[in-house]
Amino acid sequence: MDWGIPSRPFVAMIRGFRDSRYTVAKAVRGHLLVSVYIASSLVMLLHAPVYYALEKHWVAKDQVFKISPEFTAPTMYESQVTRHLFKELDELLGQVEEGEIGE
């Protein structure tokens, strides 16, 4: 059974304590793994607010997914593409109505 990368140190710690041939080397390894696991968890916990603030900052600066009432599509890019395609369609329909195309 694959427990995934984040849980491997935890599984190694449990496996070390379950073994009937518990040695000093396994005890040291277990203590080292516990401290490394706790330290890395604390580092991730302390970085979470920083990454949240960074994400909030860059999402606010994002112009592609900006929601605005002047856009007809979910994103600014889609709205610009839609306007451009409507202009091309109007030009083609105008040419068809004038008889330049289709006869």
PDB file of N, CA and C in Angstrom:
ATOM      1  N   MET A   1       0.846  -1.178   0.000  1.00  0.00           N
ATOM      2  CA  MET A   1       0.000   0.000   0.000  1.00  0.00           C
ATOM      3  C   MET A   1       0.892   1.241   0.000  1.00  0.00           C
ATOM      4  N   ASP A   2       0.598   2.171  -0.892  1.00  0.00           N
ATOM      5  CA  ASP A   2       1.381   3.399  -1.003  1.00  0.00           C
ATOM      6  C   ASP A   2       0.732   4.479  -0.152  1.00  0.00           C
ATOM      7  N   TRP A   3       1.441   4.980   0.833  1.00  0.00           N
ATOM      8  CA  TRP A   3       0.891   5.976   1.751  1.00  0.00           C
ATOM      9  C   TRP A   3       1.159   7.393   1.275  1.00  0.00           C
ATOM     10  N   GLY A   4       1.924   7.568   0.221  1.00  0.00           N
ATOM     11  CA  GLY A   4       2.239   8.905  -0.256  1.00  0.00           C
ATOM     12  C   GLY A   4       3.491   9.439   0.408  1.00  0.00           C
ATOM     13  N   ILE A   5       4.082  10.425  -0.200  1.00  0.00           N
ATOM     14  CA  ILE A   5       5.347  10.981   0.280  1.00  0.00           C
ATOM     15  C   ILE A   5       5.216  11.677   1.635  1.00  0.00           C
ATOM     16  N   PRO A   6       4.187  12.516   1.904  1.00  0.00           N
ATOM     17  CA  PRO A   6       4.143  13.213   3.203  1.00  0.00           C
ATOM     18  C   PRO A   6       4.022  12.280   4.397  1.00  0.00           C
ATOM     19  N   SER A   7       3.434  11.108   4.207  1.00  0.00           N
ATOM     20  CA  SER A   7       3.223  10.231   5.360  1.00  0.00           C
ATOM     21  C   SER A   7       4.348   9.217   5.550  1.00  0.00           C
ATOM     22  N   ARG A   8       5.320   9.172   4.647  1.00  0.00           N
ATOM     23  CA  ARG A   8       6.385   8.171   4.764  1.00  0.00           C
ATOM     24  C   ARG A   8       7.204   8.294   6.037  1.00  0.00           C
ATOM     25  N   PRO A   9       7.594   9.499   6.474  1.00  0.00           N
ATOM     26  CA  PRO A   9       8.328   9.558   7.753  1.00  0.00           C
ATOM     27  C   PRO A   9       7.503   9.036   8.925  1.00  0.00           C
ATOM     28  N   PHE A  10       6.218   9.325   8.909  1.00  0.00           N
ATOM     29  CA  PHE A  10       5.339   8.870   9.983  1.00  0.00           C
ATOM     30  C   PHE A  10       5.233   7.349   9.970  1.00  0.00           C
ATOM     31  N   VAL A  11       5.089   6.777   8.789  1.00  0.00           N
ATOM     32  CA  VAL A  11       5.018   5.316   8.666  1.00  0.00           C
ATOM     33  C   VAL A  11       6.331   4.685   9.105  1.00  0.00           C
ATOM     34  N   ALA A  12       7.465   5.310   8.751  1.00  0.00           N
ATOM     35  CA  ALA A  12       8.766   4.780   9.167  1.00  0.00           C
ATOM     36  C   ALA A  12       8.905   4.816  10.681  1.00  0.00           C
ATOM     37  N   MET A  13       8.375   5.873  11.324  1.00  0.00           N
ATOM     38  CA  MET A  13       8.451   5.948  12.788  1.00  0.00           C
ATOM     39  C   MET A  13       7.638   4.822  13.420  1.00  0.00           C
ATOM     40  N   ILE A  14       6.437   4.602  12.919  1.00  0.00           N
ATOM     41  CA  ILE A  14       5.583   3.550  13.476  1.00  0.00           C
ATOM     42  C   ILE A  14       6.212   2.182  13.238  1.00  0.00           C
ATOM     43  N   ARG A  15       6.734   1.977  12.040  1.00  0.00           N
ATOM     44  CA  ARG A  15       7.351   0.699  11.709  1.00  0.00           C
ATOM     45  C   ARG A  15       8.554   0.424  12.615  1.00  0.00           C
ATOM     46  N   GLY A  16       9.291   1.481  12.965  1.00  0.00           N
ATOM     47  CA  GLY A  16      10.442   1.311  13.844  1.00  0.00           C
ATOM     48  C   GLY A  16      10.036   0.870  15.238  1.00  0.00           C
ATOM     49  N   PHE A  17       8.901   1.335  15.726  1.00  0.00           N
ATOM     50  CA  PHE A  17       8.454   0.963  17.067  1.00  0.00           C
ATOM     51  C   PHE A  17       7.778  -0.402  17.086  1.00  0.00           C
ATOM     52  N   ARG A  18       7.226  -0.835  15.974  1.00  0.00           N
ATOM     53  CA  ARG A  18       6.534  -2.123  15.934  1.00  0.00           C
ATOM     54  C   ARG A  18       7.492  -3.300  15.810  1.00  0.00           C
ATOM     55  N   ASP A  19       8.677  -3.048  15.320  1.00  0.00           N
ATOM     56  CA  ASP A  19       9.629  -4.136  15.093  1.00  0.00           C
ATOM     57  C   ASP A  19      10.072  -4.736  16.428  1.00  0.00           C
ATOM     58  N   SER A  20      10.126  -6.056  16.473  1.00  0.00           N
ATOM     59  CA  SER A  20      10.521  -6.723  17.717  1.00  0.00           C
ATOM     60  C   SER A  20      12.028  -6.584  17.970  1.00  0.00           C
ATOM     61  N   ARG A  21      12.806  -6.327  16.941  1.00  0.00           N
ATOM     62  CA  ARG A  21      14.253  -6.151  17.104  1.00  0.00           C
ATOM     63  C   ARG A  21      14.566  -4.666  17.212  1.00  0.00           C
ATOM     64  N   TYR A  22      14.039  -4.032  18.225  1.00  0.00           N
ATOM     65  CA  TYR A  22      14.214  -2.598  18.441  1.00  0.00           C
ATOM     66  C   TYR A  22      15.633  -2.333  18.926  1.00  0.00           C
ATOM     67  N   THR A  23      16.398  -1.584  18.133  1.00  0.00           N
ATOM     68  CA  THR A  23      17.790  -1.335  18.485  1.00  0.00           C
ATOM     69  C   THR A  23      17.999   0.151  18.754  1.00  0.00           C
ATOM     70  N   VAL A  24      19.203   0.487  19.193  1.00  0.00           N
ATOM     71  CA  VAL A  24      19.539   1.886  19.466  1.00  0.00           C
ATOM     72  C   VAL A  24      19.516   2.691  18.167  1.00  0.00           C
ATOM     73  N   ALA A  25      20.008   2.084  17.093  1.00  0.00           N
ATOM     74  CA  ALA A  25      20.021   2.787  15.802  1.00  0.00           C
ATOM     75  C   ALA A  25      18.603   3.133  15.361  1.00  0.00           C
ATOM     76  N   LYS A  26      17.684   2.191  15.570  1.00  0.00           N
ATOM     77  CA  LYS A  26      16.295   2.459  15.203  1.00  0.00           C
ATOM     78  C   LYS A  26      15.679   3.517  16.121  1.00  0.00           C
ATOM     79  N   ALA A  27      16.055   3.531  17.350  1.00  0.00           N
ATOM     80  CA  ALA A  27      15.547   4.542  18.279  1.00  0.00           C
ATOM     81  C   ALA A  27      16.043   5.928  17.877  1.00  0.00           C
ATOM     82  N   VAL A  28      17.324   6.038  17.532  1.00  0.00           N
ATOM     83  CA  VAL A  28      17.884   7.324  17.097  1.00  0.00           C
ATOM     84  C   VAL A  28      17.200   7.768  15.812  1.00  0.00           C
ATOM     85  N   ARG A  29      17.044   6.825  14.879  1.00  0.00           N
ATOM     86  CA  ARG A  29      16.372   7.166  13.624  1.00  0.00           C
ATOM     87  C   ARG A  29      14.946   7.645  13.884  1.00  0.00           C
ATOM     88  N   GLY A  30      14.251   6.979  14.777  1.00  0.00           N
ATOM     89  CA  GLY A  30      12.885   7.379  15.107  1.00  0.00           C
ATOM     90  C   GLY A  30      12.829   8.772  15.699  1.00  0.00           C
ATOM     91  N   HIS A  31      13.734   9.078  16.608  1.00  0.00           N
ATOM     92  CA  HIS A  31      13.766  10.411  17.225  1.00  0.00           C
ATOM     93  C   HIS A  31      14.125  11.477  16.198  1.00  0.00           C
ATOM     94  N   LEU A  32      15.058  11.155  15.299  1.00  0.00           N
ATOM     95  CA  LEU A  32      15.423  12.112  14.253  1.00  0.00           C
ATOM     96  C   LEU A  32      14.248  12.353  13.306  1.00  0.00           C
ATOM     97  N   LEU A  33      13.559  11.285  12.953  1.00  0.00           N
ATOM     98  CA  LEU A  33      12.418  11.434  12.054  1.00  0.00           C
ATOM     99  C   LEU A  33      11.296  12.243  12.695  1.00  0.00           C
ATOM    100  N   VAL A  34      11.081  12.021  13.989  1.00  0.00           N
ATOM    101  CA  VAL A  34      10.047  12.794  14.677  1.00  0.00           C
ATOM    102  C   VAL A  34      10.405  14.279  14.665  1.00  0.00           C
ATOM    103  N   SER A  35      11.647  14.593  14.972  1.00  0.00           N
ATOM    104  CA  SER A  35      12.028  16.008  15.012  1.00  0.00           C
ATOM    105  C   SER A  35      11.994  16.637  13.619  1.00  0.00           C
ATOM    106  N   VAL A  36      12.443  15.905  12.606  1.00  0.00           N
ATOM    107  CA  VAL A  36      12.398  16.434  11.238  1.00  0.00           C
ATOM    108  C   VAL A  36      10.954  16.616  10.790  1.00  0.00           C
ATOM    109  N   TYR A  37      10.109  15.655  11.097  1.00  0.00           N
ATOM    110  CA  TYR A  37       8.702  15.729  10.719  1.00  0.00           C
ATOM    111  C   TYR A  37       8.015  16.914  11.406  1.00  0.00           C
ATOM    112  N   ILE A  38       8.271  17.104  12.679  1.00  0.00           N
ATOM    113  CA  ILE A  38       7.665  18.231  13.404  1.00  0.00           C
ATOM    114  C   ILE A  38       8.211  19.558  12.884  1.00  0.00           C
ATOM    115  N   ALA A  39       9.503  19.635  12.641  1.00  0.00           N
ATOM    116  CA  ALA A  39      10.105  20.879  12.131  1.00  0.00           C
ATOM    117  C   ALA A  39       9.545  21.233  10.762  1.00  0.00           C
ATOM    118  N   SER A  40       9.444  20.248   9.871  1.00  0.00           N
ATOM    119  CA  SER A  40       8.909  20.546   8.541  1.00  0.00           C
ATOM    120  C   SER A  40       7.435  20.922   8.618  1.00  0.00           C
ATOM    121  N   SER A  41       6.689  20.326   9.518  1.00  0.00           N
ATOM    122  CA  SER A  41       5.285  20.701   9.696  1.00  0.00           C
ATOM    123  C   SER A  41       5.165  22.138  10.193  1.00  0.00           C
ATOM    124  N   LEU A  42       6.027  22.531  11.121  1.00  0.00           N
ATOM    125  CA  LEU A  42       6.007  23.906  11.623  1.00  0.00           C
ATOM    126  C   LEU A  42       6.401  24.912  10.538  1.00  0.00           C
ATOM    127  N   VAL A  43       7.384  24.548   9.716  1.00  0.00           N
ATOM    128  CA  VAL A  43       7.787  25.438   8.617  1.00  0.00           C
ATOM    129  C   VAL A  43       6.619  25.635   7.657  1.00  0.00           C
ATOM    130  N   MET A  44       5.940  24.548   7.301  1.00  0.00           N
ATOM    131  CA  MET A  44       4.782  24.678   6.411  1.00  0.00           C
ATOM    132  C   MET A  44       3.670  25.481   7.063  1.00  0.00           C
ATOM    133  N   LEU A  45       3.452  25.274   8.343  1.00  0.00           N
ATOM    134  CA  LEU A  45       2.417  26.012   9.057  1.00  0.00           C
ATOM    135  C   LEU A  45       2.719  27.503   9.100  1.00  0.00           C
ATOM    136  N   LEU A  46       3.982  27.856   9.301  1.00  0.00           N
ATOM    137  CA  LEU A  46       4.360  29.266   9.356  1.00  0.00           C
ATOM    138  C   LEU A  46       4.371  29.922   7.975  1.00  0.00           C
ATOM    139  N   HIS A  47       4.586  29.153   6.921  1.00  0.00           N
ATOM    140  CA  HIS A  47       4.592  29.714   5.568  1.00  0.00           C
ATOM    141  C   HIS A  47       3.192  29.872   4.977  1.00  0.00           C
ATOM    142  N   ALA A  48       2.203  29.193   5.514  1.00  0.00           N
ATOM    143  CA  ALA A  48       0.851  29.250   4.951  1.00  0.00           C
ATOM    144  C   ALA A  48       0.302  30.676   4.894  1.00  0.00           C
ATOM    145  N   PRO A  49       0.380  31.490   5.958  1.00  0.00           N
ATOM    146  CA  PRO A  49      -0.135  32.859   5.856  1.00  0.00           C
ATOM    147  C   PRO A  49       0.634  33.713   4.842  1.00  0.00           C
ATOM    148  N   VAL A  50       1.936  33.457   4.723  1.00  0.00           N
ATOM    149  CA  VAL A  50       2.738  34.211   3.760  1.00  0.00           C
ATOM    150  C   VAL A  50       2.282  33.900   2.343  1.00  0.00           C
ATOM    151  N   TYR A  51       2.116  32.625   2.031  1.00  0.00           N
ATOM    152  CA  TYR A  51       1.672  32.240   0.699  1.00  0.00           C
ATOM    153  C   TYR A  51       0.247  32.702   0.424  1.00  0.00           C
ATOM    154  N   TYR A  52      -0.583  32.703   1.444  1.00  0.00           N
ATOM    155  CA  TYR A  52      -1.952  33.207   1.283  1.00  0.00           C
ATOM    156  C   TYR A  52      -1.937  34.690   0.933  1.00  0.00           C
ATOM    157  N   ALA A  53      -1.100  35.468   1.611  1.00  0.00           N
ATOM    158  CA  ALA A  53      -1.000  36.905   1.318  1.00  0.00           C
ATOM    159  C   ALA A  53      -0.427  37.140  -0.077  1.00  0.00           C
ATOM    160  N   LEU A  54       0.571  36.349  -0.467  1.00  0.00           N
ATOM    161  CA  LEU A  54       1.129  36.480  -1.818  1.00  0.00           C
ATOM    162  C   LEU A  54       0.084  36.158  -2.880  1.00  0.00           C
ATOM    163  N   GLU A  55      -0.673  35.108  -2.655  1.00  0.00           N
ATOM    164  CA  GLU A  55      -1.715  34.740  -3.616  1.00  0.00           C
ATOM    165  C   GLU A  55      -2.762  35.843  -3.724  1.00  0.00           C
ATOM    166  N   LYS A  56      -3.159  36.370  -2.585  1.00  0.00           N
ATOM    167  CA  LYS A  56      -4.157  37.441  -2.560  1.00  0.00           C
ATOM    168  C   LYS A  56      -3.651  38.672  -3.324  1.00  0.00           C
ATOM    169  N   HIS A  57      -2.381  39.000  -3.141  1.00  0.00           N
ATOM    170  CA  HIS A  57      -1.770  40.146  -3.816  1.00  0.00           C
ATOM    171  C   HIS A  57      -1.783  39.962  -5.331  1.00  0.00           C
ATOM    172  N   TRP A  58      -1.342  38.789  -5.809  1.00  0.00           N
ATOM    173  CA  TRP A  58      -1.222  38.572  -7.252  1.00  0.00           C
ATOM    174  C   TRP A  58      -2.574  38.345  -7.918  1.00  0.00           C
ATOM    175  N   VAL A  59      -3.524  37.767  -7.219  1.00  0.00           N
ATOM    176  CA  VAL A  59      -4.865  37.619  -7.787  1.00  0.00           C
ATOM    177  C   VAL A  59      -5.515  38.988  -7.944  1.00  0.00           C
ATOM    178  N   ALA A  60      -5.260  39.899  -7.007  1.00  0.00           N
ATOM    179  CA  ALA A  60      -5.812  41.255  -7.127  1.00  0.00           C
ATOM    180  C   ALA A  60      -5.218  41.996  -8.321  1.00  0.00           C
ATOM    181  N   LYS A  61      -3.961  41.712  -8.665  1.00  0.00           N
ATOM    182  CA  LYS A  61      -3.311  42.364  -9.801  1.00  0.00           C
ATOM    183  C   LYS A  61      -3.651  41.709 -11.138  1.00  0.00           C
ATOM    184  N   ASP A  62      -4.257  40.548 -11.115  1.00  0.00           N
ATOM    185  CA  ASP A  62      -4.543  39.800 -12.336  1.00  0.00           C
ATOM    186  C   ASP A  62      -5.558  40.544 -13.195  1.00  0.00           C
ATOM    187  N   GLN A  63      -5.221  40.769 -14.451  1.00  0.00           N
ATOM    188  CA  GLN A  63      -6.116  41.471 -15.368  1.00  0.00           C
ATOM    189  C   GLN A  63      -6.880  40.512 -16.276  1.00  0.00           C
ATOM    190  N   VAL A  64      -6.406  39.292 -16.425  1.00  0.00           N
ATOM    191  CA  VAL A  64      -7.056  38.351 -17.332  1.00  0.00           C
ATOM    192  C   VAL A  64      -8.394  37.882 -16.761  1.00  0.00           C
ATOM    193  N   PHE A  65      -8.430  37.544 -15.501  1.00  0.00           N
ATOM    194  CA  PHE A  65      -9.649  37.030 -14.888  1.00  0.00           C
ATOM    195  C   PHE A  65     -10.393  38.094 -14.081  1.00  0.00           C
ATOM    196  N   LYS A  66     -10.203  39.341 -14.450  1.00  0.00           N
ATOM    197  CA  LYS A  66     -10.872  40.443 -13.757  1.00  0.00           C
ATOM    198  C   LYS A  66     -12.357  40.449 -14.140  1.00  0.00           C
ATOM    199  N   ILE A  67     -13.207  40.526 -13.161  1.00  0.00           N
ATOM    200  CA  ILE A  67     -14.651  40.548 -13.397  1.00  0.00           C
ATOM    201  C   ILE A  67     -15.101  41.994 -13.475  1.00  0.00           C
ATOM    202  N   SER A  68     -15.765  42.328 -14.589  1.00  0.00           N
ATOM    203  CA  SER A  68     -16.211  43.691 -14.793  1.00  0.00           C
ATOM    204  C   SER A  68     -17.540  43.666 -15.552  1.00  0.00           C
ATOM    205  N   PRO A  69     -18.444  44.603 -15.268  1.00  0.00           N
ATOM    206  CA  PRO A  69     -19.733  44.600 -15.968  1.00  0.00           C
ATOM    207  C   PRO A  69     -19.620  44.947 -17.454  1.00  0.00           C
ATOM    208  N   GLU A  70     -18.535  45.574 -17.867  1.00  0.00           N
ATOM    209  CA  GLU A  70     -18.390  45.944 -19.273  1.00  0.00           C
ATOM    210  C   GLU A  70     -17.995  44.764 -20.160  1.00  0.00           C
ATOM    211  N   PHE A  71     -17.572  43.667 -19.561  1.00  0.00           N
ATOM    212  CA  PHE A  71     -17.183  42.501 -20.342  1.00  0.00           C
ATOM    213  C   PHE A  71     -18.372  41.564 -20.493  1.00  0.00           C
ATOM    214  N   THR A  72     -18.483  40.971 -21.678  1.00  0.00           N
ATOM    215  CA  THR A  72     -19.613  40.083 -21.958  1.00  0.00           C
ATOM    216  C   THR A  72     -19.292  38.617 -21.697  1.00  0.00           C
ATOM    217  N   ALA A  73     -18.081  38.317 -21.362  1.00  0.00           N
ATOM    218  CA  ALA A  73     -17.660  36.938 -21.120  1.00  0.00           C
ATOM    219  C   ALA A  73     -17.060  36.833 -19.715  1.00  0.00           C
ATOM    220  N   PRO A  74     -16.817  35.617 -19.257  1.00  0.00           N
ATOM    221  CA  PRO A  74     -16.268  35.453 -17.902  1.00  0.00           C
ATOM    222  C   PRO A  74     -14.922  36.126 -17.674  1.00  0.00           C
ATOM    223  N   THR A  75     -14.091  36.232 -18.731  1.00  0.00           N
ATOM    224  CA  THR A  75     -12.789  36.863 -18.567  1.00  0.00           C
ATOM    225  C   THR A  75     -12.619  37.981 -19.586  1.00  0.00           C
ATOM    226  N   MET A  76     -11.666  38.868 -19.303  1.00  0.00           N
ATOM    227  CA  MET A  76     -11.402  39.988 -20.203  1.00  0.00           C
ATOM    228  C   MET A  76     -10.923  39.477 -21.559  1.00  0.00           C
ATOM    229  N   TYR A  77     -10.072  38.476 -21.560  1.00  0.00           N
ATOM    230  CA  TYR A  77      -9.544  37.928 -22.806  1.00  0.00           C
ATOM    231  C   TYR A  77     -10.677  37.356 -23.671  1.00  0.00           C
ATOM    232  N   GLU A  78     -11.552  36.569 -23.068  1.00  0.00           N
ATOM    233  CA  GLU A  78     -12.674  35.996 -23.811  1.00  0.00           C
ATOM    234  C   GLU A  78     -13.581  37.090 -24.351  1.00  0.00           C
ATOM    235  N   SER A  79     -13.760  38.147 -23.576  1.00  0.00           N
ATOM    236  CA  SER A  79     -14.585  39.260 -24.023  1.00  0.00           C
ATOM    237  C   SER A  79     -13.980  39.947 -25.240  1.00  0.00           C
ATOM    238  N   GLN A  80     -12.672  40.157 -25.226  1.00  0.00           N
ATOM    239  CA  GLN A  80     -12.004  40.775 -26.372  1.00  0.00           C
ATOM    240  C   GLN A  80     -12.083  39.885 -27.606  1.00  0.00           C
ATOM    241  N   VAL A  81     -11.891  38.594 -27.433  1.00  0.00           N
ATOM    242  CA  VAL A  81     -11.987  37.662 -28.559  1.00  0.00           C
ATOM    243  C   VAL A  81     -13.407  37.658 -29.105  1.00  0.00           C
ATOM    244  N   THR A  82     -14.403  37.656 -28.227  1.00  0.00           N
ATOM    245  CA  THR A  82     -15.796  37.657 -28.664  1.00  0.00           C
ATOM    246  C   THR A  82     -16.118  38.924 -29.441  1.00  0.00           C
ATOM    247  N   ARG A  83     -15.670  40.079 -28.952  1.00  0.00           N
ATOM    248  CA  ARG A  83     -15.903  41.331 -29.680  1.00  0.00           C
ATOM    249  C   ARG A  83     -15.252  41.304 -31.054  1.00  0.00           C
ATOM    250  N   HIS A  84     -14.025  40.795 -31.117  1.00  0.00           N
ATOM    251  CA  HIS A  84     -13.317  40.720 -32.393  1.00  0.00           C
ATOM    252  C   HIS A  84     -14.055  39.788 -33.364  1.00  0.00           C
ATOM    253  N   LEU A  85     -14.511  38.638 -32.883  1.00  0.00           N
ATOM    254  CA  LEU A  85     -15.247  37.713 -33.741  1.00  0.00           C
ATOM    255  C   LEU A  85     -16.575  38.306 -34.195  1.00  0.00           C
ATOM    256  N   PHE A  86     -17.262  39.057 -33.331  1.00  0.00           N
ATOM    257  CA  PHE A  86     -18.509  39.723 -33.731  1.00  0.00           C
ATOM    258  C   PHE A  86     -18.256  40.758 -34.824  1.00  0.00           C
ATOM    259  N   LYS A  87     -17.142  41.497 -34.720  1.00  0.00           N
ATOM    260  CA  LYS A  87     -16.798  42.475 -35.760  1.00  0.00           C
ATOM    261  C   LYS A  87     -16.560  41.780 -37.096  1.00  0.00           C
ATOM    262  N   GLU A  88     -15.803  40.680 -37.066  1.00  0.00           N
ATOM    263  CA  GLU A  88     -15.551  39.937 -38.295  1.00  0.00           C
ATOM    264  C   GLU A  88     -16.842  39.379 -38.881  1.00  0.00           C
ATOM    265  N   LEU A  89     -17.719  38.865 -38.032  1.00  0.00           N
ATOM    266  CA  LEU A  89     -18.997  38.325 -38.484  1.00  0.00           C
ATOM    267  C   LEU A  89     -19.867  39.425 -39.083  1.00  0.00           C
ATOM    268  N   ASP A  90     -19.897  40.608 -38.457  1.00  0.00           N
ATOM    269  CA  ASP A  90     -20.664  41.728 -38.999  1.00  0.00           C
ATOM    270  C   ASP A  90     -20.140  42.135 -40.372  1.00  0.00           C
ATOM    271  N   GLU A  91     -18.813  42.165 -40.526  1.00  0.00           N
ATOM    272  CA  GLU A  91     -18.231  42.508 -41.826  1.00  0.00           C
ATOM    273  C   GLU A  91     -18.616  41.484 -42.888  1.00  0.00           C
ATOM    274  N   LEU A  92     -18.536  40.204 -42.551  1.00  0.00           N
ATOM    275  CA  LEU A  92     -18.904  39.157 -43.504  1.00  0.00           C
ATOM    276  C   LEU A  92     -20.389  39.212 -43.860  1.00  0.00           C
ATOM    277  N   LEU A  93     -21.239  39.431 -42.856  1.00  0.00           N
ATOM    278  CA  LEU A  93     -22.675  39.530 -43.127  1.00  0.00           C
ATOM    279  C   LEU A  93     -22.993  40.763 -43.971  1.00  0.00           C
ATOM    280  N   GLY A  94     -22.273  41.845 -43.721  1.00  0.00           N
ATOM    281  CA  GLY A  94     -22.454  43.049 -44.551  1.00  0.00           C
ATOM    282  C   GLY A  94     -22.070  42.781 -45.993  1.00  0.00           C
ATOM    283  N   GLN A  95     -20.998  42.043 -46.212  1.00  0.00           N
ATOM    284  CA  GLN A  95     -20.590  41.709 -47.576  1.00  0.00           C
ATOM    285  C   GLN A  95     -21.605  40.786 -48.244  1.00  0.00           C
ATOM    286  N   VAL A  96     -22.196  39.857 -47.458  1.00  0.00           N
ATOM    287  CA  VAL A  96     -23.219  38.974 -48.014  1.00  0.00           C
ATOM    288  C   VAL A  96     -24.460  39.757 -48.393  1.00  0.00           C
ATOM    289  N   GLU A  97     -24.882  40.693 -47.546  1.00  0.00           N
ATOM    290  CA  GLU A  97     -26.077  41.501 -47.834  1.00  0.00           C
ATOM    291  C   GLU A  97     -25.875  42.387 -49.047  1.00  0.00           C
ATOM    292  N   GLU A  98     -24.664  42.860 -49.237  1.00  0.00           N
ATOM    293  CA  GLU A  98     -24.377  43.722 -50.393  1.00  0.00           C
ATOM    294  C   GLU A  98     -24.187  42.907 -51.661  1.00  0.00           C
ATOM    295  N   GLY A  99     -24.102  41.608 -51.541  1.00  0.00           N
ATOM    296  CA  GLY A  99     -23.975  40.740 -52.711  1.00  0.00           C
ATOM    297  C   GLY A  99     -22.552  40.497 -53.139  1.00  0.00           C
ATOM    298  N   GLU A 100     -21.584  40.876 -52.344  1.00  0.00           N
ATOM    299  CA  GLU A 100     -20.191  40.669 -52.696  1.00  0.00           C
ATOM    300  C   GLU A 100     -19.770  39.218 -52.500  1.00  0.00           C
ATOM    301  N   ILE A 101     -20.402  38.526 -51.579  1.00  0.00           N
ATOM    302  CA  ILE A 101     -20.067  37.139 -51.271  1.00  0.00           C
ATOM    303  C   ILE A 101     -21.334  36.287 -51.409  1.00  0.00           C
ATOM    304  N   GLY A 102     -21.177  35.093 -51.930  1.00  0.00           N
ATOM    305  CA  GLY A 102     -22.279  34.147 -51.927  1.00  0.00           C
ATOM    306  C   GLY A 102     -23.003  34.008 -53.234  1.00  0.00           C
ATOM    307  N   GLU A 103     -22.609  34.692 -54.257  1.00  0.00           N
ATOM    308  CA  GLU A 103     -23.324  34.535 -55.517  1.00  0.00           C
ATOM    309  C   GLU A 103     -22.472  33.876 -56.555  1.00  0.00           C
TER     310      GLU A 103
END
